[in-house]
C-alpha atoms as a PDB file:
ATOM      1  CA  MET A   1     111.670  -5.049  85.033  1.00  0.00           C
ATOM      2  CA  HIS A   2     115.136  -3.855  85.440  1.00  0.00           C
ATOM      3  CA  ASN A   3     115.314  -0.062  85.018  1.00  0.00           C
ATOM      4  CA  ILE A   4     118.579   1.838  84.808  1.00  0.00           C
ATOM      5  CA  THR A   5     118.640   4.939  86.212  1.00  0.00           C
ATOM      6  CA  PHE A   6     122.153   7.462  87.750  1.00  0.00           C
ATOM      7  CA  ALA A   7     122.411   8.807  91.414  1.00  0.00           C
ATOM      8  CA  HIS A   8     124.409  11.164  89.917  1.00  0.00           C
ATOM      9  CA  PRO A   9     123.573  11.454  86.207  1.00  0.00           C
ATOM     10  CA  TRP A  10     125.625  15.272  85.645  1.00  0.00           C
ATOM     11  CA  LEU A  11     128.903  13.233  85.912  1.00  0.00           C
ATOM     12  CA  LEU A  12     128.162  11.686  82.612  1.00  0.00           C
ATOM     13  CA  LEU A  13     129.266  14.814  81.320  1.00  0.00           C
ATOM     14  CA  GLY A  14     132.430  13.874  81.997  1.00  0.00           C
ATOM     15  CA  LEU A  15     132.112  11.276  79.111  1.00  0.00           C
ATOM     16  CA  LEU A  16     132.907  14.048  76.872  1.00  0.00           C
ATOM     17  CA  LEU A  17     136.306  13.301  78.052  1.00  0.00           C
ATOM     18  CA  VAL A  18     136.831  10.340  75.841  1.00  0.00           C
ATOM     19  CA  PRO A  19     136.533  11.865  72.900  1.00  0.00           C
ATOM     20  CA  ALA A  20     138.969  14.565  73.787  1.00  0.00           C
ATOM     21  CA  MET A  21     141.444  11.911  75.058  1.00  0.00           C
ATOM     22  CA  ILE A  22     141.236  10.211  71.073  1.00  0.00           C
ATOM     23  CA  VAL A  23     141.879  13.332  69.463  1.00  0.00           C
ATOM     24  CA  TRP A  24     144.846  14.641  71.894  1.00  0.00           C
ATOM     25  CA  TRP A  25     146.761  10.834  70.992  1.00  0.00           C
ATOM     26  CA  ILE A  26     145.784  11.947  67.260  1.00  0.00           C
ATOM     27  CA  VAL A  27     147.216  15.074  67.445  1.00  0.00           C
ATOM     28  CA  ARG A  28     150.636  13.575  69.101  1.00  0.00           C
ATOM     29  CA  TYR A  29     151.022  10.530  67.298  1.00  0.00           C
ATOM     30  CA  ARG A  30     151.279  12.998  64.095  1.00  0.00           C
ATOM     31  CA  LYS A  31     153.525  15.178  65.738  1.00  0.00           C
ATOM     32  CA  GLN A  32     155.936  12.190  67.225  1.00  0.00           C
ATOM     33  CA  GLU A  33     155.815  10.120  63.524  1.00  0.00           C
ATOM     34  CA  ALA A  34     159.344   9.662  61.962  1.00  0.00           C
ATOM     35  CA  ALA A  35     160.615  10.974  58.796  1.00  0.00           C
ATOM     36  CA  VAL A  36     163.083   9.770  56.293  1.00  0.00           C
ATOM     37  CA  GLN A  37     164.799  12.204  54.392  1.00  0.00           C
ATOM     38  CA  HIS A  38     166.172  10.266  50.944  1.00  0.00           C
ATOM     39  CA  SER A  39     165.915  11.064  47.552  1.00  0.00           C
ATOM     40  CA  ASN A  40     164.168   7.239  46.738  1.00  0.00           C
ATOM     41  CA  LEU A  41     162.028   5.069  48.843  1.00  0.00           C
ATOM     42  CA  SER A  42     162.138   2.530  46.649  1.00  0.00           C
ATOM     43  CA  VAL A  43     164.288   0.746  48.872  1.00  0.00           C
ATOM     44  CA  PHE A  44     161.547   0.150  51.286  1.00  0.00           C
ATOM     45  CA  ASP A  45     159.176  -1.479  48.901  1.00  0.00           C
ATOM     46  CA  GLY A  46     157.476  -4.460  49.996  1.00  0.00           C
ATOM     47  CA  ILE A  47     158.133  -3.920  53.974  1.00  0.00           C
ATOM     48  CA  GLU A  48     155.253  -4.101  55.554  1.00  0.00           C
ATOM     49  CA  LYS A  49     154.860  -2.911  59.328  1.00  0.00           C
ATOM     50  CA  SER A  50     154.694  -5.185  62.211  1.00  0.00           C
ATOM     51  CA  ILE A  51     151.565  -6.553  64.483  1.00  0.00           C
ATOM     52  CA  ARG A  52     153.072  -4.062  67.103  1.00  0.00           C
ATOM     53  CA  VAL A  53     153.327  -0.853  64.580  1.00  0.00           C
ATOM     54  CA  LYS A  54     149.983  -1.315  63.254  1.00  0.00           C
ATOM     55  CA  LEU A  55     148.242  -1.988  67.206  1.00  0.00           C
ATOM     56  CA  ARG A  56     150.265   0.916  68.763  1.00  0.00           C
ATOM     57  CA  TRP A  57     146.848   2.548  69.609  1.00  0.00           C
ATOM     58  CA  LEU A  58     145.559  -0.614  71.695  1.00  0.00           C
ATOM     59  CA  PRO A  59     146.936   0.392  75.409  1.00  0.00           C
ATOM     60  CA  TYR A  60     145.611   4.039  74.941  1.00  0.00           C
ATOM     61  CA  ALA A  61     142.239   2.375  74.124  1.00  0.00           C
ATOM     62  CA  PHE A  62     142.284   0.323  76.569  1.00  0.00           C
ATOM     63  CA  ARG A  63     143.021   3.862  78.987  1.00  0.00           C
ATOM     64  CA  CYS A  64     140.030   5.694  77.269  1.00  0.00           C
ATOM     65  CA  LEU A  65     137.924   2.785  77.966  1.00  0.00           C
ATOM     66  CA  ALA A  66     138.901   2.521  81.655  1.00  0.00           C
ATOM     67  CA  VAL A  67     138.129   6.078  81.917  1.00  0.00           C
ATOM     68  CA  ALA A  68     134.674   5.745  80.824  1.00  0.00           C
ATOM     69  CA  SER A  69     133.642   2.779  82.907  1.00  0.00           C
ATOM     70  CA  LEU A  70     135.465   4.762  85.998  1.00  0.00           C
ATOM     71  CA  ILE A  71     133.049   7.596  84.873  1.00  0.00           C
ATOM     72  CA  VAL A  72     130.204   5.379  84.275  1.00  0.00           C
ATOM     73  CA  ALA A  73     130.937   4.225  87.989  1.00  0.00           C
ATOM     74  CA  LEU A  74     131.477   7.489  89.379  1.00  0.00           C
ATOM     75  CA  ALA A  75     127.635   8.381  88.099  1.00  0.00           C
ATOM     76  CA  ARG A  76     126.420   5.008  90.267  1.00  0.00           C
ATOM     77  CA  PRO A  77     124.358   3.403  88.050  1.00  0.00           C
ATOM     78  CA  GLN A  78     121.232   1.804  89.951  1.00  0.00           C
ATOM     79  CA  SER A  79     118.672  -1.148  88.726  1.00  0.00           C
ATOM     80  CA  GLN A  80     115.493  -0.806  89.515  1.00  0.00           C
ATOM     81  CA  LEU A  81     113.052  -3.847  90.422  1.00  0.00           C
ATOM     82  CA  SER A  82     109.639  -2.665  90.398  1.00  0.00           C
ATOM     83  CA  ARG A  83     106.308  -4.717  91.022  1.00  0.00           C
ATOM     84  CA  GLN A  84     102.749  -4.141  91.091  1.00  0.00           C
ATOM     85  CA  GLU A  85      99.849  -6.204  93.032  1.00  0.00           C
ATOM     86  CA  MET A  86      96.337  -5.019  91.734  1.00  0.00           C
ATOM     87  CA  THR A  87      93.426  -5.739  93.745  1.00  0.00           C
ATOM     88  CA  VAL A  88      90.232  -5.386  91.957  1.00  0.00           C
ATOM     89  CA  GLU A  89      86.687  -4.717  93.745  1.00  0.00           C
ATOM     90  CA  GLY A  90      84.695  -6.584  90.791  1.00  0.00           C
ATOM     91  CA  ILE A  91      81.005  -6.015  90.601  1.00  0.00           C
ATOM     92  CA  ASP A  92      78.405  -8.958  90.170  1.00  0.00           C
ATOM     93  CA  ILE A  93      75.783  -7.874  87.220  1.00  0.00           C
ATOM     94  CA  VAL A  94      72.872  -9.765  85.925  1.00  0.00           C
ATOM     95  CA  MET A  95      71.080  -8.693  82.612  1.00  0.00           C
ATOM     96  CA  ALA A  96      67.567  -9.863  82.599  1.00  0.00           C
ATOM     97  CA  MET A  97      66.545  -9.452  78.910  1.00  0.00           C
ATOM     98  CA  ASP A  98      62.953  -9.071  77.632  1.00  0.00           C
ATOM     99  CA  VAL A  99      62.004 -11.654  74.298  1.00  0.00           C
ATOM    100  CA  SER A 100      58.618 -11.364  74.779  1.00  0.00           C
ATOM    101  CA  GLY A 101      57.513 -11.194  70.692  1.00  0.00           C
ATOM    102  CA  SER A 102      56.325  -7.276  71.119  1.00  0.00           C
ATOM    103  CA  MET A 103      60.648  -6.871  71.237  1.00  0.00           C
ATOM    104  CA  LEU A 104      60.331  -6.942  67.544  1.00  0.00           C
ATOM    105  CA  ALA A 105      58.597  -3.827  66.718  1.00  0.00           C
ATOM    106  CA  GLU A 106      60.352  -1.253  65.164  1.00  0.00           C
ATOM    107  CA  ASP A 107      60.294   2.051  66.718  1.00  0.00           C
ATOM    108  CA  PHE A 108      64.176   0.969  67.622  1.00  0.00           C
ATOM    109  CA  LYS A 109      66.189   0.240  64.719  1.00  0.00           C
ATOM    110  CA  PRO A 110      66.065  -2.589  63.577  1.00  0.00           C
ATOM    111  CA  ASN A 111      63.974  -3.180  66.578  1.00  0.00           C
ATOM    112  CA  ARG A 112      63.813  -2.899  70.550  1.00  0.00           C
ATOM    113  CA  LEU A 113      65.447  -6.641  70.860  1.00  0.00           C
ATOM    114  CA  GLU A 114      68.379  -5.795  68.723  1.00  0.00           C
ATOM    115  CA  ALA A 115      68.929  -2.638  69.450  1.00  0.00           C
ATOM    116  CA  ALA A 116      68.710  -3.389  73.537  1.00  0.00           C
ATOM    117  CA  LYS A 117      71.271  -6.695  72.813  1.00  0.00           C
ATOM    118  CA  LYS A 118      73.820  -4.351  70.285  1.00  0.00           C
ATOM    119  CA  VAL A 119      73.867  -1.214  73.744  1.00  0.00           C
ATOM    120  CA  ALA A 120      74.043  -4.091  76.606  1.00  0.00           C
ATOM    121  CA  ALA A 121      76.992  -6.002  74.492  1.00  0.00           C
ATOM    122  CA  ASP A 122      79.003  -2.171  74.383  1.00  0.00           C
ATOM    123  CA  PHE A 123      78.385  -1.917  78.092  1.00  0.00           C
ATOM    124  CA  ILE A 124      79.633  -5.530  78.735  1.00  0.00           C
ATOM    125  CA  ASP A 125      82.117  -5.206  77.009  1.00  0.00           C
ATOM    126  CA  GLY A 126      83.052  -1.789  78.901  1.00  0.00           C
ATOM    127  CA  ARG A 127      83.460  -3.830  82.316  1.00  0.00           C
ATOM    128  CA  LYS A 128      86.621  -5.949  82.445  1.00  0.00           C
ATOM    129  CA  ASN A 129      86.584  -6.535  85.982  1.00  0.00           C
ATOM    130  CA  ASP A 130      83.084  -7.560  86.663  1.00  0.00           C
ATOM    131  CA  ARG A 131      81.610 -10.679  86.447  1.00  0.00           C
ATOM    132  CA  VAL A 132      78.399 -10.690  84.229  1.00  0.00           C
ATOM    133  CA  SER A 133      75.505 -13.227  83.938  1.00  0.00           C
ATOM    134  CA  LEU A 134      72.677 -13.292  80.992  1.00  0.00           C
ATOM    135  CA  VAL A 135      68.858 -13.968  81.981  1.00  0.00           C
ATOM    136  CA  VAL A 136      66.326 -13.867  79.219  1.00  0.00           C
ATOM    137  CA  PHE A 137      62.521 -13.900  79.666  1.00  0.00           C
ATOM    138  CA  ALA A 138      58.774 -13.653  77.770  1.00  0.00           C
ATOM    139  CA  GLY A 139      56.348 -15.711  79.498  1.00  0.00           C
ATOM    140  CA  GLU A 140      58.882 -18.133  81.335  1.00  0.00           C
ATOM    141  CA  ALA A 141      62.388 -17.273  82.379  1.00  0.00           C
ATOM    142  CA  TYR A 142      65.961 -19.024  81.842  1.00  0.00           C
ATOM    143  CA  THR A 143      69.669 -18.056  82.478  1.00  0.00           C
ATOM    144  CA  GLN A 144      71.019 -18.274  79.027  1.00  0.00           C
ATOM    145  CA  VAL A 145      75.100 -17.487  80.625  1.00  0.00           C
ATOM    146  CA  PRO A 146      75.859 -17.767  84.215  1.00  0.00           C
ATOM    147  CA  LEU A 147      78.012 -15.339  85.850  1.00  0.00           C
ATOM    148  CA  THR A 148      81.518 -15.458  84.246  1.00  0.00           C
ATOM    149  CA  VAL A 149      84.082 -13.112  83.630  1.00  0.00           C
ATOM    150  CA  ASP A 150      84.479 -14.634  79.955  1.00  0.00           C
ATOM    151  CA  HIS A 151      83.328 -12.051  78.101  1.00  0.00           C
ATOM    152  CA  HIS A 152      83.923 -13.850  74.702  1.00  0.00           C
ATOM    153  CA  VAL A 153      81.305 -16.150  75.597  1.00  0.00           C
ATOM    154  CA  LEU A 154      78.786 -13.906  77.188  1.00  0.00           C
ATOM    155  CA  LEU A 155      78.795 -11.789  73.867  1.00  0.00           C
ATOM    156  CA  GLN A 156      78.513 -14.557  72.223  1.00  0.00           C
ATOM    157  CA  GLN A 157      75.460 -15.745  73.647  1.00  0.00           C
ATOM    158  CA  LEU A 158      74.322 -12.971  73.601  1.00  0.00           C
ATOM    159  CA  GLY A 159      73.978 -12.285  70.024  1.00  0.00           C
ATOM    160  CA  ALA A 160      72.504 -15.646  69.779  1.00  0.00           C
ATOM    161  CA  VAL A 161      69.360 -14.331  71.906  1.00  0.00           C
ATOM    162  CA  LYS A 162      66.172 -14.397  69.926  1.00  0.00           C
ATOM    163  CA  SER A 163      62.541 -13.637  70.413  1.00  0.00           C
ATOM    164  CA  GLY A 164      60.174 -16.939  69.995  1.00  0.00           C
ATOM    165  CA  ASN A 165      61.993 -19.708  71.851  1.00  0.00           C
ATOM    166  CA  ILE A 166      60.464 -19.473  74.348  1.00  0.00           C
ATOM    167  CA  LYS A 167      56.657 -19.270  75.849  1.00  0.00           C
ATOM    168  CA  ASP A 168      55.129 -15.160  74.861  1.00  0.00           C
ATOM    169  CA  GLY A 169      54.258 -13.457  77.534  1.00  0.00           C
ATOM    170  CA  THR A 170      55.760 -10.833  80.126  1.00  0.00           C
ATOM    171  CA  ALA A 171      56.596 -12.446  83.711  1.00  0.00           C
ATOM    172  CA  LEU A 172      58.633  -9.736  85.276  1.00  0.00           C
ATOM    173  CA  GLY A 173      58.656 -11.415  88.508  1.00  0.00           C
ATOM    174  CA  ASP A 174      60.386 -14.927  87.219  1.00  0.00           C
ATOM    175  CA  GLY A 175      62.685 -13.143  85.071  1.00  0.00           C
ATOM    176  CA  LEU A 176      63.865 -11.291  88.212  1.00  0.00           C
ATOM    177  CA  ALA A 177      63.339 -14.268  90.467  1.00  0.00           C
ATOM    178  CA  THR A 178      65.624 -16.032  87.960  1.00  0.00           C
ATOM    179  CA  ALA A 179      68.138 -13.204  88.366  1.00  0.00           C
ATOM    180  CA  ILE A 180      68.085 -13.082  91.692  1.00  0.00           C
ATOM    181  CA  ASN A 181      68.919 -16.674  92.017  1.00  0.00           C
ATOM    182  CA  ARG A 182      72.133 -16.207  89.938  1.00  0.00           C
ATOM    183  CA  ILE A 183      73.611 -13.643  91.886  1.00  0.00           C
ATOM    184  CA  LYS A 184      72.099 -13.989  95.793  1.00  0.00           C
ATOM    185  CA  ASP A 185      75.231 -16.015  96.644  1.00  0.00           C
ATOM    186  CA  SER A 186      77.580 -13.351  95.041  1.00  0.00           C
ATOM    187  CA  ASP A 187      80.830 -12.394  97.239  1.00  0.00           C
ATOM    188  CA  ALA A 188      80.615  -9.490  95.667  1.00  0.00           C
ATOM    189  CA  LYS A 189      80.922  -5.575  97.324  1.00  0.00           C
ATOM    190  CA  SER A 190      78.053  -4.982  94.724  1.00  0.00           C
ATOM    191  CA  LYS A 191      75.390  -6.810  93.019  1.00  0.00           C
ATOM    192  CA  VAL A 192      73.250  -5.589  90.434  1.00  0.00           C
ATOM    193  CA  ILE A 193      70.361  -6.485  88.117  1.00  0.00           C
ATOM    194  CA  ILE A 194      69.546  -5.161  85.255  1.00  0.00           C
ATOM    195  CA  LEU A 195      65.934  -5.926  84.006  1.00  0.00           C
ATOM    196  CA  LEU A 196      64.754  -5.034  80.727  1.00  0.00           C
ATOM    197  CA  THR A 197      61.455  -5.049  79.492  1.00  0.00           C
ATOM    198  CA  ASP A 198      58.698  -3.124  77.059  1.00  0.00           C
ATOM    199  CA  GLY A 199      55.247  -4.745  77.866  1.00  0.00           C
ATOM    200  CA  VAL A 200      53.394  -5.170  80.894  1.00  0.00           C
ATOM    201  CA  ASN A 201      53.553  -8.499  83.341  1.00  0.00           C
ATOM    202  CA  ASN A 202      50.969 -10.611  82.442  1.00  0.00           C
ATOM    203  CA  GLN A 203      52.257 -14.131  82.801  1.00  0.00           C
ATOM    204  CA  GLY A 204      54.555 -16.153  85.356  1.00  0.00           C
ATOM    205  CA  SER A 205      53.901 -17.508  88.960  1.00  0.00           C
ATOM    206  CA  VAL A 206      56.268 -14.899  91.036  1.00  0.00           C
ATOM    207  CA  ASP A 207      54.662 -11.480  92.325  1.00  0.00           C
ATOM    208  CA  PRO A 208      57.162  -8.612  90.712  1.00  0.00           C
ATOM    209  CA  LEU A 209      57.105  -6.933  93.794  1.00  0.00           C
ATOM    210  CA  SER A 210      57.609  -9.663  96.006  1.00  0.00           C
ATOM    211  CA  ALA A 211      60.514 -10.524  93.430  1.00  0.00           C
ATOM    212  CA  ALA A 212      62.152  -6.807  94.325  1.00  0.00           C
ATOM    213  CA  GLU A 213      61.699  -7.668  98.189  1.00  0.00           C
ATOM    214  CA  ILE A 214      63.664 -10.513  97.845  1.00  0.00           C
ATOM    215  CA  ALA A 215      66.321  -8.896  95.871  1.00  0.00           C
ATOM    216  CA  GLU A 216      66.369  -6.131  98.945  1.00  0.00           C
ATOM    217  CA  LEU A 217      67.219  -8.873 101.104  1.00  0.00           C
ATOM    218  CA  TYR A 218      69.691 -10.011  99.404  1.00  0.00           C
ATOM    219  CA  GLY A 219      71.218  -6.701  99.082  1.00  0.00           C
ATOM    220  CA  ILE A 220      70.698  -6.850  95.441  1.00  0.00           C
ATOM    221  CA  ARG A 221      70.290  -3.115  93.512  1.00  0.00           C
ATOM    222  CA  LEU A 222      67.621  -3.430  90.803  1.00  0.00           C
ATOM    223  CA  TYR A 223      67.967  -0.809  87.579  1.00  0.00           C
ATOM    224  CA  THR A 224      64.952  -1.124  85.643  1.00  0.00           C
ATOM    225  CA  ILE A 225      64.785   0.006  81.675  1.00  0.00           C
ATOM    226  CA  GLY A 226      61.441   0.559  79.827  1.00  0.00           C
ATOM    227  CA  ILE A 227      61.885  -0.042  76.219  1.00  0.00           C
ATOM    228  CA  GLY A 228      59.126   1.875  73.951  1.00  0.00           C
ATOM    229  CA  SER A 229      58.755   4.603  71.856  1.00  0.00           C
ATOM    230  CA  LEU A 230      55.922   6.937  73.163  1.00  0.00           C
ATOM    231  CA  GLY A 231      51.715   6.415  71.556  1.00  0.00           C
ATOM    232  CA  LYS A 232      52.331   3.653  69.064  1.00  0.00           C
ATOM    233  CA  ALA A 233      54.711   1.650  67.292  1.00  0.00           C
ATOM    234  CA  PRO A 234      55.199   0.024  64.103  1.00  0.00           C
ATOM    235  CA  TYR A 235      55.150  -4.222  64.519  1.00  0.00           C
ATOM    236  CA  PRO A 236      55.670  -6.541  61.600  1.00  0.00           C
ATOM    237  CA  PHE A 237      53.071  -9.078  60.576  1.00  0.00           C
ATOM    238  CA  ARG A 238      53.359 -12.071  58.438  1.00  0.00           C
ATOM    239  CA  ASP A 239      50.782 -13.168  56.231  1.00  0.00           C
ATOM    240  CA  GLN A 240      49.774 -16.703  55.314  1.00  0.00           C
ATOM    241  CA  PHE A 241      52.178 -15.993  51.997  1.00  0.00           C
ATOM    242  CA  GLY A 242      55.097 -14.815  54.136  1.00  0.00           C
ATOM    243  CA  ARG A 243      54.765 -11.290  53.262  1.00  0.00           C
ATOM    244  CA  THR A 244      55.690  -9.069  56.307  1.00  0.00           C
ATOM    245  CA  HIS A 245      52.696  -6.063  56.867  1.00  0.00           C
ATOM    246  CA  TYR A 246      53.264  -3.774  59.586  1.00  0.00           C
ATOM    247  CA  GLN A 247      50.699  -2.410  62.261  1.00  0.00           C
ATOM    248  CA  ASN A 248      50.716   0.145  64.843  1.00  0.00           C
ATOM    249  CA  ILE A 249      50.337  -0.982  67.652  1.00  0.00           C
ATOM    250  CA  ASP A 250      50.219   0.569  71.521  1.00  0.00           C
ATOM    251  CA  VAL A 251      52.988   0.836  73.866  1.00  0.00           C
ATOM    252  CA  GLU A 252      52.407  -0.136  76.885  1.00  0.00           C
ATOM    253  CA  ILE A 253      54.511  -0.393  79.629  1.00  0.00           C
ATOM    254  CA  ASP A 254      53.740  -0.219  83.546  1.00  0.00           C
ATOM    255  CA  GLU A 255      56.016   2.078  84.352  1.00  0.00           C
ATOM    256  CA  GLN A 256      54.539   2.806  87.893  1.00  0.00           C
ATOM    257  CA  LEU A 257      54.586  -1.274  88.575  1.00  0.00           C
ATOM    258  CA  MET A 258      58.923  -0.856  87.286  1.00  0.00           C
ATOM    259  CA  GLU A 259      59.297   2.389  89.709  1.00  0.00           C
ATOM    260  CA  GLN A 260      57.964   0.504  92.626  1.00  0.00           C
ATOM    261  CA  MET A 261      60.108  -2.652  91.554  1.00  0.00           C
ATOM    262  CA  SER A 262      63.716  -0.693  91.753  1.00  0.00           C
ATOM    263  CA  ALA A 263      62.473   1.900  94.445  1.00  0.00           C
ATOM    264  CA  LEU A 264      62.406  -1.286  97.321  1.00  0.00           C
ATOM    265  CA  THR A 265      66.127  -2.031  96.125  1.00  0.00           C
ATOM    266  CA  PRO A 266      69.031  -0.312  98.120  1.00  0.00           C
ATOM    267  CA  ASP A 267      70.117   2.743  95.504  1.00  0.00           C
ATOM    268  CA  GLY A 268      67.591   1.283  92.677  1.00  0.00           C
ATOM    269  CA  GLN A 269      66.475   3.649  89.580  1.00  0.00           C
ATOM    270  CA  TYR A 270      64.068   3.159  86.957  1.00  0.00           C
ATOM    271  CA  PHE A 271      64.844   4.589  83.532  1.00  0.00           C
ATOM    272  CA  ARG A 272      62.790   5.348  80.356  1.00  0.00           C
ATOM    273  CA  ALA A 273      64.629   4.875  76.607  1.00  0.00           C
ATOM    274  CA  THR A 274      62.038   5.997  74.219  1.00  0.00           C
ATOM    275  CA  ASN A 275      64.798   5.777  71.487  1.00  0.00           C
ATOM    276  CA  LYS A 276      68.310   3.664  71.130  1.00  0.00           C
ATOM    277  CA  ASN A 277      69.888   6.960  71.852  1.00  0.00           C
ATOM    278  CA  ALA A 278      68.251   7.120  74.812  1.00  0.00           C
ATOM    279  CA  LEU A 279      68.811   3.571  75.781  1.00  0.00           C
ATOM    280  CA  ARG A 280      72.393   4.001  74.957  1.00  0.00           C
ATOM    281  CA  GLU A 281      72.656   7.075  78.074  1.00  0.00           C
ATOM    282  CA  ILE A 282      70.828   5.149  80.519  1.00  0.00           C
ATOM    283  CA  PHE A 283      73.271   2.280  80.175  1.00  0.00           C
ATOM    284  CA  SER A 284      76.304   4.889  80.378  1.00  0.00           C
ATOM    285  CA  GLN A 285      74.622   6.362  83.581  1.00  0.00           C
ATOM    286  CA  ILE A 286      74.666   2.918  84.751  1.00  0.00           C
ATOM    287  CA  ASP A 287      78.194   2.337  83.748  1.00  0.00           C
ATOM    288  CA  GLU A 288      79.083   5.530  85.832  1.00  0.00           C
ATOM    289  CA  MET A 289      77.353   4.714  89.168  1.00  0.00           C
ATOM    290  CA  GLU A 290      78.899   1.122  89.301  1.00  0.00           C
ATOM    291  CA  LYS A 291      82.236   1.672  88.870  1.00  0.00           C
ATOM    292  CA  SER A 292      84.740  -1.226  90.001  1.00  0.00           C
ATOM    293  CA  LYS A 293      87.192  -0.357  93.159  1.00  0.00           C
ATOM    294  CA  ILE A 294      91.094  -0.825  91.830  1.00  0.00           C
ATOM    295  CA  ASP A 295      93.443  -0.683  94.466  1.00  0.00           C
ATOM    296  CA  VAL A 296      97.186  -0.547  92.694  1.00  0.00           C
ATOM    297  CA  THR A 297     100.115  -1.163  95.164  1.00  0.00           C
ATOM    298  CA  GLN A 298     103.793  -0.522  93.852  1.00  0.00           C
ATOM    299  CA  TYR A 299     106.743  -1.768  94.978  1.00  0.00           C
ATOM    300  CA  ALA A 300     110.353  -1.050  94.432  1.00  0.00           C
ATOM    301  CA  GLN A 301     113.432  -2.171  94.561  1.00  0.00           C
ATOM    302  CA  THR A 302     117.073  -0.403  94.021  1.00  0.00           C
ATOM    303  CA  ARG A 303     120.208  -2.243  93.822  1.00  0.00           C
ATOM    304  CA  ASP A 304     123.449  -0.429  93.076  1.00  0.00           C
ATOM    305  CA  GLU A 305     125.618  -1.399  89.968  1.00  0.00           C
ATOM    306  CA  TYR A 306     128.593   0.491  89.895  1.00  0.00           C
ATOM    307  CA  ALA A 307     130.809  -2.441  91.066  1.00  0.00           C
ATOM    308  CA  GLN A 308     130.402  -3.763  87.802  1.00  0.00           C
ATOM    309  CA  TRP A 309     131.876  -0.668  86.085  1.00  0.00           C
ATOM    310  CA  LEU A 310     134.790  -0.724  88.578  1.00  0.00           C
ATOM    311  CA  TRP A 311     135.665  -4.124  87.651  1.00  0.00           C
ATOM    312  CA  LEU A 312     135.928  -3.059  84.073  1.00  0.00           C
ATOM    313  CA  ALA A 313     137.667   0.002  84.806  1.00  0.00           C
ATOM    314  CA  LEU A 314     140.433  -1.552  86.619  1.00  0.00           C
ATOM    315  CA  ALA A 315     140.468  -4.819  84.053  1.00  0.00           C
ATOM    316  CA  CYS A 316     141.156  -2.005  81.121  1.00  0.00           C
ATOM    317  CA  LEU A 317     144.026  -0.509  82.757  1.00  0.00           C
ATOM    318  CA  LEU A 318     145.646  -3.711  83.774  1.00  0.00           C
ATOM    319  CA  LEU A 319     144.911  -4.735  80.403  1.00  0.00           C
ATOM    320  CA  GLU A 320     146.919  -1.284  79.062  1.00  0.00           C
ATOM    321  CA  VAL A 321     150.103  -2.227  80.964  1.00  0.00           C
ATOM    322  CA  ILE A 322     150.032  -5.761  80.528  1.00  0.00           C
ATOM    323  CA  ILE A 323     150.192  -4.768  76.363  1.00  0.00           C
ATOM    324  CA  ARG A 324     152.348  -1.669  77.056  1.00  0.00           C
ATOM    325  CA  TRP A 325     154.866  -2.743  79.279  1.00  0.00           C
ATOM    326  CA  VAL A 326     154.805  -6.544  78.713  1.00  0.00           C
ATOM    327  CA  TRP A 327     154.463  -7.387  75.070  1.00  0.00           C
ATOM    328  CA  PHE A 328     155.191  -4.040  73.497  1.00  0.00           C
ATOM    329  CA  LYS A 329     158.398  -4.586  74.834  1.00  0.00           C
ATOM    330  CA  ILE A 330     159.162  -7.735  73.936  1.00  0.00           C
END
């Protein structure tokens, strides 16, 4: 992109000379205009002015244009070609989300799973430069979306996540191991797993602490989030007629295990979210702690553009001479 600047912009004040020249010419022309004293001017009716008379202002107009061009040239116009090179050190993030039946409890509105999806979507939407993956788990685990920068597709898949598609239960170790497989070979400067659950490990073939130790070996930072209110939470049940009833169930989160898991990884942390606002605050904290590094290098090249204005001034002066001393003398 070319941006025109001036090395001596104060010289542009000289352009005020041009309207002064025009006013001077008009005043001078009126003083020199011939007047004929005659009792009857009807003898001149029908006589039109010649083209030379009509264009007698043209040579002076070229002189004014030449002066304006010369002033612009003296101000030394310059074009600047600027360029930016951006180097982004993104962060690879895997969201490991519990989709077990207990995530349908309604201590979060409309329920834990939908609240977690909404907050996670806002978090992902703010990570423009990062690759993000989605892993879901209950009694078993699988990858919903591999690492990608296509956040549009990722958010679509996140929105489609629901409980009941896989065996019920809470396999924390399997969920974490699947997330590790998604990110362990990444070349990113920072590798992060965010594991969100509302239960106690009761399924799966991988021990959660062993999985956390594997994460530590690969330099993966683990943030664990326990989601659920304190005490009891309303859980929906359907009877044989399809009617929904609610029953208060105990909120059981193995916080000690989750703290141990996160502590095994470099700078890992455990968080507890007892409501949607607290969950949103937790993701905000993680967002602040995991900032991508962006290096911007700017290049600027300046080129003088006064030559074209000098050529224009010369051309205008030449046209004035030709018109005044050649055409008007014929």
